[in-house]
Amino acid sequence: MQPSDYSMHSAVDLGARKAALEREAKRQAQESSGTANPYAIDVNEENFQNEVLERSMSAPVVLAILQASSEQSSQVESALDRLATGAGGQWIVAKVDVQASPQLAQALRVPGVPMVAMVIGGQVVPGPAGPATEEQLREWLTQIFDGLKQQGVLPEEFTGLGQEGAETAESQNGGQEGPQDPADVEAQEALQRGDFAAAEAVYAKAVEADPSSEHAKLKLAQVRLVGRVHGLDANAERKAAADNPDDVAAQVNVADIDMYGGKFEDAFERLIGTVQRTSGDDRDAARKHLLTLFEVLPSGDPRVAKARRALTAALF
């Protein structure tokens, strides 16, 4: 190997590591402030197979190819985060930073950034390339989901997008972005200042006022989840759960962390396994917490239906 080759390789590695660290710092800051999209994951060469291809066998994955230094990428990323959060976890945003993962970007043959694609059943469906507004992304997702339902790939009850009136409200307000529901505005302000209890109280009041509001119930469950995982040390919690498989509190904490990270099936399977291994009050505590996790996703989500059947089998 020539010295010049080695230097170039090292520079690429250092640049990628720096970009990866910066992205991780950004994610941690968002999590600490409660503003992170709980249905997004950062993807690299190591986890692409599991987090994108394998995950897409059970739920749609929106693959976002981004560049940290690009304003257009930031706009697309923010729009996808809002749409995914509004959908309540019916699909996941898998984010690839071309600066942090140049080899993966090369393997994907990315022509330019930002770029969006849908991955379902291990198959990639190209989407918008270049700058795209939230309205354009919503329209594209709607077309994709409708087509997949017609093909029988997705169940008829799959809605794909929440807050269906948001697009209309946005157009009526001159294209201004942001939540239109006063409860969403108040709760978001509370989350931005780190007051999880206040945000929870907002949605609890909204549910009390309208018990039939699916949106309010979803938001309440999601805010409660964010409040529970805030401050948890994921590595320490995972070690505690591995060391003490019958410790319900430890299993519950890891299940919450998995839910927050979009690993819904892992969270469900963990608590169903805990129900199977335990008895008495411990078993009931695991069961009740699993029911609260079901509320984080829409009632018609196929993963919830599958987990409910598994829970019933575990109990009886």
C-alpha atoms as a PDB file:
ATOM      1  CA  MET A   1       0.000   0.000   0.000  1.00  0.00           C
ATOM      2  CA  GLN A   2       1.357   3.382  -0.973  1.00  0.00           C
ATOM      3  CA  PRO A   3       1.537   6.104   1.697  1.00  0.00           C
ATOM      4  CA  SER A   4      -0.762   8.300  -0.385  1.00  0.00           C
ATOM      5  CA  ASP A   5      -3.398   5.535  -0.462  1.00  0.00           C
ATOM      6  CA  TYR A   6      -3.172   5.094   3.280  1.00  0.00           C
ATOM      7  CA  SER A   7      -3.571   8.816   3.925  1.00  0.00           C
ATOM      8  CA  MET A   8      -6.647   9.046   1.740  1.00  0.00           C
ATOM      9  CA  HIS A   9      -8.239   6.034   3.416  1.00  0.00           C
ATOM     10  CA  SER A  10      -7.516   7.459   6.854  1.00  0.00           C
ATOM     11  CA  ALA A  11      -9.022  10.815   5.942  1.00  0.00           C
ATOM     12  CA  VAL A  12     -12.218   9.137   4.781  1.00  0.00           C
ATOM     13  CA  ASP A  13     -12.419   7.077   7.981  1.00  0.00           C
ATOM     14  CA  LEU A  14     -11.811  10.102  10.190  1.00  0.00           C
ATOM     15  CA  GLY A  15     -14.391  12.140   8.311  1.00  0.00           C
ATOM     16  CA  ALA A  16     -16.955   9.359   8.605  1.00  0.00           C
ATOM     17  CA  ARG A  17     -16.292   8.946  12.327  1.00  0.00           C
ATOM     18  CA  LYS A  18     -16.620  12.674  12.892  1.00  0.00           C
ATOM     19  CA  ALA A  19     -19.943  12.764  11.008  1.00  0.00           C
ATOM     20  CA  ALA A  20     -21.206   9.726  12.929  1.00  0.00           C
ATOM     21  CA  LEU A  21     -20.314  11.326  16.265  1.00  0.00           C
ATOM     22  CA  GLU A  22     -22.019  14.569  15.290  1.00  0.00           C
ATOM     23  CA  ARG A  23     -25.183  12.708  14.274  1.00  0.00           C
ATOM     24  CA  GLU A  24     -25.171  10.738  17.524  1.00  0.00           C
ATOM     25  CA  ALA A  25     -24.784  13.970  19.502  1.00  0.00           C
ATOM     26  CA  LYS A  26     -27.733  15.469  17.619  1.00  0.00           C
ATOM     27  CA  ARG A  27     -29.876  12.414  18.341  1.00  0.00           C
ATOM     28  CA  GLN A  28     -29.002  12.441  22.037  1.00  0.00           C
ATOM     29  CA  ALA A  29     -29.818  16.144  22.283  1.00  0.00           C
ATOM     30  CA  GLN A  30     -33.228  15.534  20.693  1.00  0.00           C
ATOM     31  CA  GLU A  31     -33.919  12.623  23.030  1.00  0.00           C
ATOM     32  CA  SER A  32     -32.944  14.674  26.066  1.00  0.00           C
ATOM     33  CA  SER A  33     -35.293  17.480  25.021  1.00  0.00           C
ATOM     34  CA  GLY A  34     -38.111  15.064  24.183  1.00  0.00           C
ATOM     35  CA  THR A  35     -38.245  16.273  20.568  1.00  0.00           C
ATOM     36  CA  ALA A  36     -36.824  13.163  18.901  1.00  0.00           C
ATOM     37  CA  ASN A  37     -38.907  11.125  16.492  1.00  0.00           C
ATOM     38  CA  PRO A  38     -39.427   7.831  18.392  1.00  0.00           C
ATOM     39  CA  TYR A  39     -40.027   6.056  15.091  1.00  0.00           C
ATOM     40  CA  ALA A  40     -36.648   6.841  13.522  1.00  0.00           C
ATOM     41  CA  ILE A  41     -33.388   4.945  13.526  1.00  0.00           C
ATOM     42  CA  ASP A  42     -29.917   5.842  12.283  1.00  0.00           C
ATOM     43  CA  VAL A  43     -28.688   3.218   9.836  1.00  0.00           C
ATOM     44  CA  ASN A  44     -25.117   2.280   8.941  1.00  0.00           C
ATOM     45  CA  GLU A  45     -23.264  -0.577   7.290  1.00  0.00           C
ATOM     46  CA  GLU A  46     -23.572  -2.759  10.403  1.00  0.00           C
ATOM     47  CA  ASN A  47     -27.306  -2.579  11.042  1.00  0.00           C
ATOM     48  CA  PHE A  48     -28.751  -2.040   7.549  1.00  0.00           C
ATOM     49  CA  GLN A  49     -29.614  -5.713   7.091  1.00  0.00           C
ATOM     50  CA  ASN A  50     -31.523  -5.998  10.368  1.00  0.00           C
ATOM     51  CA  GLU A  51     -33.004  -2.531  10.699  1.00  0.00           C
ATOM     52  CA  VAL A  52     -34.060  -2.020   7.087  1.00  0.00           C
ATOM     53  CA  LEU A  53     -34.289  -5.202   5.056  1.00  0.00           C
ATOM     54  CA  GLU A  54     -35.439  -7.591   7.791  1.00  0.00           C
ATOM     55  CA  ARG A  55     -37.669  -5.020   9.491  1.00  0.00           C
ATOM     56  CA  SER A  56     -39.345  -4.316   6.140  1.00  0.00           C
ATOM     57  CA  MET A  57     -40.661  -7.880   6.091  1.00  0.00           C
ATOM     58  CA  SER A  58     -43.171  -6.964   8.811  1.00  0.00           C
ATOM     59  CA  ALA A  59     -43.689  -3.201   8.398  1.00  0.00           C
ATOM     60  CA  PRO A  60     -42.929  -0.448   5.855  1.00  0.00           C
ATOM     61  CA  VAL A  61     -39.587   1.307   6.224  1.00  0.00           C
ATOM     62  CA  VAL A  62     -38.991   4.730   4.706  1.00  0.00           C
ATOM     63  CA  LEU A  63     -35.322   4.993   3.799  1.00  0.00           C
ATOM     64  CA  ALA A  64     -34.019   8.560   3.937  1.00  0.00           C
ATOM     65  CA  ILE A  65     -30.600   9.203   2.388  1.00  0.00           C
ATOM     66  CA  LEU A  66     -29.334  12.416   3.944  1.00  0.00           C
ATOM     67  CA  GLN A  67     -26.296  14.619   4.351  1.00  0.00           C
ATOM     68  CA  ALA A  68     -25.806  16.408   7.654  1.00  0.00           C
ATOM     69  CA  SER A  69     -24.397  19.570   6.082  1.00  0.00           C
ATOM     70  CA  SER A  70     -27.284  19.899   3.594  1.00  0.00           C
ATOM     71  CA  GLU A  71     -30.159  22.262   4.363  1.00  0.00           C
ATOM     72  CA  GLN A  72     -32.350  20.392   1.878  1.00  0.00           C
ATOM     73  CA  SER A  73     -31.627  17.151   3.735  1.00  0.00           C
ATOM     74  CA  SER A  74     -32.577  18.781   7.025  1.00  0.00           C
ATOM     75  CA  GLN A  75     -35.910  19.921   5.593  1.00  0.00           C
ATOM     76  CA  VAL A  76     -36.735  16.464   4.231  1.00  0.00           C
ATOM     77  CA  GLU A  77     -35.664  14.809   7.480  1.00  0.00           C
ATOM     78  CA  SER A  78     -37.831  17.137   9.575  1.00  0.00           C
ATOM     79  CA  ALA A  79     -40.831  16.584   7.305  1.00  0.00           C
ATOM     80  CA  LEU A  80     -40.469  12.792   7.508  1.00  0.00           C
ATOM     81  CA  ASP A  81     -40.100  12.975  11.287  1.00  0.00           C
ATOM     82  CA  ARG A  82     -43.363  14.901  11.582  1.00  0.00           C
ATOM     83  CA  LEU A  83     -45.193  12.504   9.273  1.00  0.00           C
ATOM     84  CA  ALA A  84     -43.866   9.408  11.053  1.00  0.00           C
ATOM     85  CA  THR A  85     -44.730  10.796  14.474  1.00  0.00           C
ATOM     86  CA  GLY A  86     -48.212  11.701  13.275  1.00  0.00           C
ATOM     87  CA  ALA A  87     -48.651   8.148  11.957  1.00  0.00           C
ATOM     88  CA  GLY A  88     -47.948   6.773  15.410  1.00  0.00           C
ATOM     89  CA  GLY A  89     -45.315   4.255  14.377  1.00  0.00           C
ATOM     90  CA  GLN A  90     -47.093   2.515  11.519  1.00  0.00           C
ATOM     91  CA  TRP A  91     -43.823   2.879   9.622  1.00  0.00           C
ATOM     92  CA  ILE A  92     -40.216   3.635  10.494  1.00  0.00           C
ATOM     93  CA  VAL A  93     -37.796   6.216   9.122  1.00  0.00           C
ATOM     94  CA  ALA A  94     -34.379   4.665   8.546  1.00  0.00           C
ATOM     95  CA  LYS A  95     -31.832   7.456   8.138  1.00  0.00           C
ATOM     96  CA  VAL A  96     -28.555   7.041   6.274  1.00  0.00           C
ATOM     97  CA  ASP A  97     -26.058   9.896   6.575  1.00  0.00           C
ATOM     98  CA  VAL A  98     -23.813   9.686   3.509  1.00  0.00           C
ATOM     99  CA  GLN A  99     -21.020  11.434   5.386  1.00  0.00           C
ATOM    100  CA  ALA A 100     -21.165   9.046   8.341  1.00  0.00           C
ATOM    101  CA  SER A 101     -21.697   5.904   6.203  1.00  0.00           C
ATOM    102  CA  PRO A 102     -20.029   6.529   2.819  1.00  0.00           C
ATOM    103  CA  GLN A 103     -19.603   2.815   2.071  1.00  0.00           C
ATOM    104  CA  LEU A 104     -23.304   2.149   2.542  1.00  0.00           C
ATOM    105  CA  ALA A 105     -24.205   5.114   0.364  1.00  0.00           C
ATOM    106  CA  GLN A 106     -21.898   3.732  -2.317  1.00  0.00           C
ATOM    107  CA  ALA A 107     -23.433   0.256  -2.030  1.00  0.00           C
ATOM    108  CA  LEU A 108     -26.899   1.766  -2.420  1.00  0.00           C
ATOM    109  CA  ARG A 109     -25.686   3.637  -5.525  1.00  0.00           C
ATOM    110  CA  VAL A 110     -27.113   6.891  -4.251  1.00  0.00           C
ATOM    111  CA  PRO A 111     -27.190   9.392  -7.152  1.00  0.00           C
ATOM    112  CA  GLY A 112     -27.648  12.419  -4.888  1.00  0.00           C
ATOM    113  CA  VAL A 113     -29.040  13.644  -1.608  1.00  0.00           C
ATOM    114  CA  PRO A 114     -31.534  13.996  -0.181  1.00  0.00           C
ATOM    115  CA  MET A 115     -33.289  10.919  -1.512  1.00  0.00           C
ATOM    116  CA  VAL A 116     -36.227   8.939  -0.150  1.00  0.00           C
ATOM    117  CA  ALA A 117     -37.340   5.370  -0.846  1.00  0.00           C
ATOM    118  CA  MET A 118     -39.849   2.884   0.538  1.00  0.00           C
ATOM    119  CA  VAL A 119     -38.629  -0.552   1.584  1.00  0.00           C
ATOM    120  CA  ILE A 120     -41.313  -3.221   1.982  1.00  0.00           C
ATOM    121  CA  GLY A 121     -40.800  -6.974   1.960  1.00  0.00           C
ATOM    122  CA  GLY A 122     -37.121  -6.426   1.266  1.00  0.00           C
ATOM    123  CA  GLN A 123     -37.943  -4.573  -1.957  1.00  0.00           C
ATOM    124  CA  VAL A 124     -37.010  -0.936  -2.567  1.00  0.00           C
ATOM    125  CA  VAL A 125     -39.493   1.457  -4.192  1.00  0.00           C
ATOM    126  CA  PRO A 126     -37.775   4.728  -5.225  1.00  0.00           C
ATOM    127  CA  GLY A 127     -39.349   7.951  -4.007  1.00  0.00           C
ATOM    128  CA  PRO A 128     -38.704  11.692  -4.219  1.00  0.00           C
ATOM    129  CA  ALA A 129     -35.159  12.794  -4.949  1.00  0.00           C
ATOM    130  CA  GLY A 130     -33.877  16.243  -4.110  1.00  0.00           C
ATOM    131  CA  PRO A 131     -35.797  18.826  -2.071  1.00  0.00           C
ATOM    132  CA  ALA A 132     -39.339  17.746  -1.186  1.00  0.00           C
ATOM    133  CA  THR A 133     -41.948  19.483   0.924  1.00  0.00           C
ATOM    134  CA  GLU A 134     -43.990  17.783   3.619  1.00  0.00           C
ATOM    135  CA  GLU A 135     -47.032  17.969   1.351  1.00  0.00           C
ATOM    136  CA  GLN A 136     -45.154  16.227  -1.485  1.00  0.00           C
ATOM    137  CA  LEU A 137     -43.911  13.511   0.857  1.00  0.00           C
ATOM    138  CA  ARG A 138     -47.392  13.015   2.290  1.00  0.00           C
ATOM    139  CA  GLU A 139     -48.818  12.653  -1.223  1.00  0.00           C
ATOM    140  CA  TRP A 140     -46.127  10.140  -2.192  1.00  0.00           C
ATOM    141  CA  LEU A 141     -46.658   8.079   0.969  1.00  0.00           C
ATOM    142  CA  THR A 142     -50.419   8.081   0.446  1.00  0.00           C
ATOM    143  CA  GLN A 143     -49.996   6.753  -3.094  1.00  0.00           C
ATOM    144  CA  ILE A 144     -47.552   4.072  -1.959  1.00  0.00           C
ATOM    145  CA  PHE A 145     -49.714   2.897   0.940  1.00  0.00           C
ATOM    146  CA  ASP A 146     -52.889   2.859  -1.178  1.00  0.00           C
ATOM    147  CA  GLY A 147     -51.109   0.798  -3.823  1.00  0.00           C
ATOM    148  CA  LEU A 148     -49.760  -1.678  -1.273  1.00  0.00           C
ATOM    149  CA  LYS A 149     -53.223  -2.117   0.245  1.00  0.00           C
ATOM    150  CA  GLN A 150     -54.722  -2.773  -3.189  1.00  0.00           C
ATOM    151  CA  GLN A 151     -52.058  -5.425  -3.766  1.00  0.00           C
ATOM    152  CA  GLY A 152     -52.850  -7.025  -0.416  1.00  0.00           C
ATOM    153  CA  VAL A 153     -49.362  -6.304   0.924  1.00  0.00           C
ATOM    154  CA  LEU A 154     -50.783  -4.099   3.685  1.00  0.00           C
ATOM    155  CA  PRO A 155     -54.054  -4.749   5.552  1.00  0.00           C
ATOM    156  CA  GLU A 156     -57.092  -2.630   4.691  1.00  0.00           C
ATOM    157  CA  GLU A 157     -57.119  -1.081   8.180  1.00  0.00           C
ATOM    158  CA  PHE A 158     -53.596   0.288   7.676  1.00  0.00           C
ATOM    159  CA  THR A 159     -53.972   4.071   7.510  1.00  0.00           C
ATOM    160  CA  GLY A 160     -50.319   4.920   6.949  1.00  0.00           C
ATOM    161  CA  LEU A 161     -50.661   8.565   7.943  1.00  0.00           C
ATOM    162  CA  GLY A 162     -52.192  10.250  10.949  1.00  0.00           C
ATOM    163  CA  GLN A 163     -53.779  13.654  11.305  1.00  0.00           C
ATOM    164  CA  GLU A 164     -55.448  13.373   7.911  1.00  0.00           C
ATOM    165  CA  GLY A 165     -56.707  16.918   8.182  1.00  0.00           C
ATOM    166  CA  ALA A 166     -53.236  18.364   8.644  1.00  0.00           C
ATOM    167  CA  GLU A 167     -52.612  18.776   4.926  1.00  0.00           C
ATOM    168  CA  THR A 168     -55.888  20.622   4.400  1.00  0.00           C
ATOM    169  CA  ALA A 169     -55.296  22.814   7.413  1.00  0.00           C
ATOM    170  CA  GLU A 170     -51.794  23.567   6.189  1.00  0.00           C
ATOM    171  CA  SER A 171     -53.031  24.670   2.763  1.00  0.00           C
ATOM    172  CA  GLN A 172     -55.702  26.842   4.349  1.00  0.00           C
ATOM    173  CA  ASN A 173     -53.032  28.565   6.420  1.00  0.00           C
ATOM    174  CA  GLY A 174     -50.800  29.479   3.515  1.00  0.00           C
ATOM    175  CA  GLY A 175     -48.654  26.361   3.745  1.00  0.00           C
ATOM    176  CA  GLN A 176     -47.508  27.071   7.286  1.00  0.00           C
ATOM    177  CA  GLU A 177     -46.161  24.002   9.032  1.00  0.00           C
ATOM    178  CA  GLY A 178     -46.729  22.836  12.585  1.00  0.00           C
ATOM    179  CA  PRO A 179     -49.523  21.243  14.573  1.00  0.00           C
ATOM    180  CA  GLN A 180     -52.904  22.930  14.335  1.00  0.00           C
ATOM    181  CA  ASP A 181     -54.485  21.280  17.379  1.00  0.00           C
ATOM    182  CA  PRO A 182     -54.039  23.575  20.424  1.00  0.00           C
ATOM    183  CA  ALA A 183     -53.296  20.508  22.558  1.00  0.00           C
ATOM    184  CA  ASP A 184     -50.428  19.576  20.225  1.00  0.00           C
ATOM    185  CA  VAL A 185     -49.020  23.090  20.422  1.00  0.00           C
ATOM    186  CA  GLU A 186     -49.197  23.193  24.227  1.00  0.00           C
ATOM    187  CA  ALA A 187     -47.748  19.704  24.623  1.00  0.00           C
ATOM    188  CA  GLN A 188     -44.904  20.392  22.202  1.00  0.00           C
ATOM    189  CA  GLU A 189     -43.954  23.517  24.119  1.00  0.00           C
ATOM    190  CA  ALA A 190     -43.882  21.481  27.328  1.00  0.00           C
ATOM    191  CA  LEU A 191     -41.708  18.798  25.733  1.00  0.00           C
ATOM    192  CA  GLN A 192     -39.267  21.361  24.403  1.00  0.00           C
ATOM    193  CA  ARG A 193     -38.656  22.627  27.924  1.00  0.00           C
ATOM    194  CA  GLY A 194     -38.384  19.063  29.240  1.00  0.00           C
ATOM    195  CA  ASP A 195     -41.642  19.132  31.224  1.00  0.00           C
ATOM    196  CA  PHE A 196     -42.979  15.654  30.453  1.00  0.00           C
ATOM    197  CA  ALA A 197     -45.573  15.782  33.224  1.00  0.00           C
ATOM    198  CA  ALA A 198     -47.128  18.917  31.726  1.00  0.00           C
ATOM    199  CA  ALA A 199     -47.247  17.369  28.251  1.00  0.00           C
ATOM    200  CA  GLU A 200     -48.872  14.248  29.673  1.00  0.00           C
ATOM    201  CA  ALA A 201     -51.440  16.369  31.509  1.00  0.00           C
ATOM    202  CA  VAL A 202     -52.359  18.135  28.245  1.00  0.00           C
ATOM    203  CA  TYR A 203     -53.207  14.897  26.468  1.00  0.00           C
ATOM    204  CA  ALA A 204     -54.816  13.333  29.530  1.00  0.00           C
ATOM    205  CA  LYS A 205     -57.174  16.302  29.593  1.00  0.00           C
ATOM    206  CA  ALA A 206     -57.815  15.917  25.847  1.00  0.00           C
ATOM    207  CA  VAL A 207     -58.689  12.227  26.296  1.00  0.00           C
ATOM    208  CA  GLU A 208     -60.974  13.065  29.206  1.00  0.00           C
ATOM    209  CA  ALA A 209     -62.752  15.651  27.067  1.00  0.00           C
ATOM    210  CA  ASP A 210     -63.086  13.262  24.108  1.00  0.00           C
ATOM    211  CA  PRO A 211     -62.540   9.587  25.029  1.00  0.00           C
ATOM    212  CA  SER A 212     -63.091   8.605  21.387  1.00  0.00           C
ATOM    213  CA  SER A 213     -60.148  10.687  20.106  1.00  0.00           C
ATOM    214  CA  GLU A 214     -57.640   8.208  18.679  1.00  0.00           C
ATOM    215  CA  HIS A 215     -55.147  11.021  18.150  1.00  0.00           C
ATOM    216  CA  ALA A 216     -55.236  12.168  21.780  1.00  0.00           C
ATOM    217  CA  LYS A 217     -54.940   8.620  23.109  1.00  0.00           C
ATOM    218  CA  LEU A 218     -51.974   7.876  20.864  1.00  0.00           C
ATOM    219  CA  LYS A 219     -50.230  11.095  21.861  1.00  0.00           C
ATOM    220  CA  LEU A 220     -50.866  10.426  25.550  1.00  0.00           C
ATOM    221  CA  ALA A 221     -49.323   6.954  25.313  1.00  0.00           C
ATOM    222  CA  GLN A 222     -46.357   8.289  23.341  1.00  0.00           C
ATOM    223  CA  VAL A 223     -45.676  11.136  25.761  1.00  0.00           C
ATOM    224  CA  ARG A 224     -45.837   8.725  28.692  1.00  0.00           C
ATOM    225  CA  LEU A 225     -43.324   6.480  26.932  1.00  0.00           C
ATOM    226  CA  VAL A 226     -40.944   9.403  26.343  1.00  0.00           C
ATOM    227  CA  GLY A 227     -41.240  10.371  29.995  1.00  0.00           C
ATOM    228  CA  ARG A 228     -40.399   6.847  31.137  1.00  0.00           C
ATOM    229  CA  VAL A 229     -37.300   6.408  28.968  1.00  0.00           C
ATOM    230  CA  HIS A 230     -35.950   9.897  29.661  1.00  0.00           C
ATOM    231  CA  GLY A 231     -32.844   9.500  31.752  1.00  0.00           C
ATOM    232  CA  LEU A 232     -32.513   5.732  31.346  1.00  0.00           C
ATOM    233  CA  ASP A 233     -29.076   4.355  30.517  1.00  0.00           C
ATOM    234  CA  ALA A 234     -29.830   1.917  27.697  1.00  0.00           C
ATOM    235  CA  ASN A 235     -26.644  -0.133  28.106  1.00  0.00           C
ATOM    236  CA  ALA A 236     -27.064  -0.463  31.863  1.00  0.00           C
ATOM    237  CA  GLU A 237     -30.732  -1.386  31.534  1.00  0.00           C
ATOM    238  CA  ARG A 238     -30.019  -4.035  28.908  1.00  0.00           C
ATOM    239  CA  LYS A 239     -27.317  -5.574  31.096  1.00  0.00           C
ATOM    240  CA  ALA A 240     -29.649  -5.631  34.094  1.00  0.00           C
ATOM    241  CA  ALA A 241     -32.366  -7.324  32.037  1.00  0.00           C
ATOM    242  CA  ALA A 242     -29.905  -9.892  30.663  1.00  0.00           C
ATOM    243  CA  ASP A 243     -28.532 -10.653  34.126  1.00  0.00           C
ATOM    244  CA  ASN A 244     -32.004 -10.919  35.691  1.00  0.00           C
ATOM    245  CA  PRO A 245     -34.479 -12.330  33.144  1.00  0.00           C
ATOM    246  CA  ASP A 246     -37.219 -12.649  35.781  1.00  0.00           C
ATOM    247  CA  ASP A 247     -36.837  -9.055  37.008  1.00  0.00           C
ATOM    248  CA  VAL A 248     -40.019  -7.505  35.634  1.00  0.00           C
ATOM    249  CA  ALA A 249     -38.916  -3.913  36.235  1.00  0.00           C
ATOM    250  CA  ALA A 250     -35.709  -4.509  34.257  1.00  0.00           C
ATOM    251  CA  GLN A 251     -37.594  -6.157  31.377  1.00  0.00           C
ATOM    252  CA  VAL A 252     -40.133  -3.327  31.353  1.00  0.00           C
ATOM    253  CA  ASN A 253     -37.403  -0.701  31.102  1.00  0.00           C
ATOM    254  CA  VAL A 254     -35.765  -2.410  28.117  1.00  0.00           C
ATOM    255  CA  ALA A 255     -39.160  -2.899  26.464  1.00  0.00           C
ATOM    256  CA  ASP A 256     -39.760   0.843  26.814  1.00  0.00           C
ATOM    257  CA  ILE A 257     -36.342   1.584  25.315  1.00  0.00           C
ATOM    258  CA  ASP A 258     -37.087  -0.727  22.390  1.00  0.00           C
ATOM    259  CA  MET A 259     -40.472   0.894  21.810  1.00  0.00           C
ATOM    260  CA  TYR A 260     -38.871   4.333  21.832  1.00  0.00           C
ATOM    261  CA  GLY A 261     -36.295   3.105  19.322  1.00  0.00           C
ATOM    262  CA  GLY A 262     -38.972   1.705  17.003  1.00  0.00           C
ATOM    263  CA  LYS A 263     -38.253  -1.948  17.799  1.00  0.00           C
ATOM    264  CA  PHE A 264     -41.898  -2.664  18.561  1.00  0.00           C
ATOM    265  CA  GLU A 265     -41.847  -6.409  17.959  1.00  0.00           C
ATOM    266  CA  ASP A 266     -38.784  -6.776  20.215  1.00  0.00           C
ATOM    267  CA  ALA A 267     -40.557  -4.915  23.008  1.00  0.00           C
ATOM    268  CA  PHE A 268     -43.705  -7.013  22.669  1.00  0.00           C
ATOM    269  CA  GLU A 269     -41.795 -10.303  22.518  1.00  0.00           C
ATOM    270  CA  ARG A 270     -39.736  -9.370  25.578  1.00  0.00           C
ATOM    271  CA  LEU A 271     -42.786  -8.774  27.756  1.00  0.00           C
ATOM    272  CA  ILE A 272     -44.691 -11.769  26.382  1.00  0.00           C
ATOM    273  CA  GLY A 273     -41.661 -13.870  27.302  1.00  0.00           C
ATOM    274  CA  THR A 274     -41.701 -12.298  30.769  1.00  0.00           C
ATOM    275  CA  VAL A 275     -45.377 -13.206  31.146  1.00  0.00           C
ATOM    276  CA  GLN A 276     -44.538 -16.799  30.234  1.00  0.00           C
ATOM    277  CA  ARG A 277     -41.662 -17.028  32.734  1.00  0.00           C
ATOM    278  CA  THR A 278     -43.299 -15.364  35.731  1.00  0.00           C
ATOM    279  CA  SER A 279     -46.395 -15.788  37.865  1.00  0.00           C
ATOM    280  CA  GLY A 280     -48.602 -13.923  40.308  1.00  0.00           C
ATOM    281  CA  ASP A 281     -48.068 -10.197  40.711  1.00  0.00           C
ATOM    282  CA  ASP A 282     -44.948 -10.198  38.525  1.00  0.00           C
ATOM    283  CA  ARG A 283     -46.832 -11.799  35.663  1.00  0.00           C
ATOM    284  CA  ASP A 284     -49.696  -9.346  36.028  1.00  0.00           C
ATOM    285  CA  ALA A 285     -47.316  -6.368  36.089  1.00  0.00           C
ATOM    286  CA  ALA A 286     -45.690  -7.510  32.825  1.00  0.00           C
ATOM    287  CA  ARG A 287     -49.092  -8.082  31.238  1.00  0.00           C
ATOM    288  CA  LYS A 288     -50.430  -4.668  32.244  1.00  0.00           C
ATOM    289  CA  HIS A 289     -47.338  -2.869  30.978  1.00  0.00           C
ATOM    290  CA  LEU A 290     -47.567  -4.693  27.668  1.00  0.00           C
ATOM    291  CA  LEU A 291     -51.120  -3.412  27.297  1.00  0.00           C
ATOM    292  CA  THR A 292     -49.861   0.157  27.782  1.00  0.00           C
ATOM    293  CA  LEU A 293     -47.294  -0.394  25.021  1.00  0.00           C
ATOM    294  CA  PHE A 294     -50.059  -1.508  22.663  1.00  0.00           C
ATOM    295  CA  GLU A 295     -51.542   1.965  23.088  1.00  0.00           C
ATOM    296  CA  VAL A 296     -48.423   3.569  21.573  1.00  0.00           C
ATOM    297  CA  LEU A 297     -49.450   2.202  18.158  1.00  0.00           C
ATOM    298  CA  PRO A 298     -52.803   2.625  16.369  1.00  0.00           C
ATOM    299  CA  SER A 299     -55.399   0.050  17.372  1.00  0.00           C
ATOM    300  CA  GLY A 300     -55.450  -1.426  13.856  1.00  0.00           C
ATOM    301  CA  ASP A 301     -51.679  -1.920  13.662  1.00  0.00           C
ATOM    302  CA  PRO A 302     -51.009  -5.532  12.563  1.00  0.00           C
ATOM    303  CA  ARG A 303     -48.096  -5.835  14.999  1.00  0.00           C
ATOM    304  CA  VAL A 304     -50.421  -5.109  17.905  1.00  0.00           C
ATOM    305  CA  ALA A 305     -52.945  -7.689  16.687  1.00  0.00           C
ATOM    306  CA  LYS A 306     -50.190 -10.292  16.379  1.00  0.00           C
ATOM    307  CA  ALA A 307     -48.832  -9.501  19.857  1.00  0.00           C
ATOM    308  CA  ARG A 308     -52.319  -9.663  21.382  1.00  0.00           C
ATOM    309  CA  ARG A 309     -52.742 -13.184  20.014  1.00  0.00           C
ATOM    310  CA  ALA A 310     -49.342 -14.168  21.395  1.00  0.00           C
ATOM    311  CA  LEU A 311     -50.229 -12.697  24.796  1.00  0.00           C
ATOM    312  CA  THR A 312     -53.475 -14.652  24.894  1.00  0.00           C
ATOM    313  CA  ALA A 313     -51.577 -17.839  24.091  1.00  0.00           C
ATOM    314  CA  ALA A 314     -49.041 -17.062  26.828  1.00  0.00           C
ATOM    315  CA  LEU A 315     -51.774 -16.522  29.397  1.00  0.00           C
ATOM    316  CA  PHE A 316     -53.924 -19.514  28.540  1.00  0.00           C
END
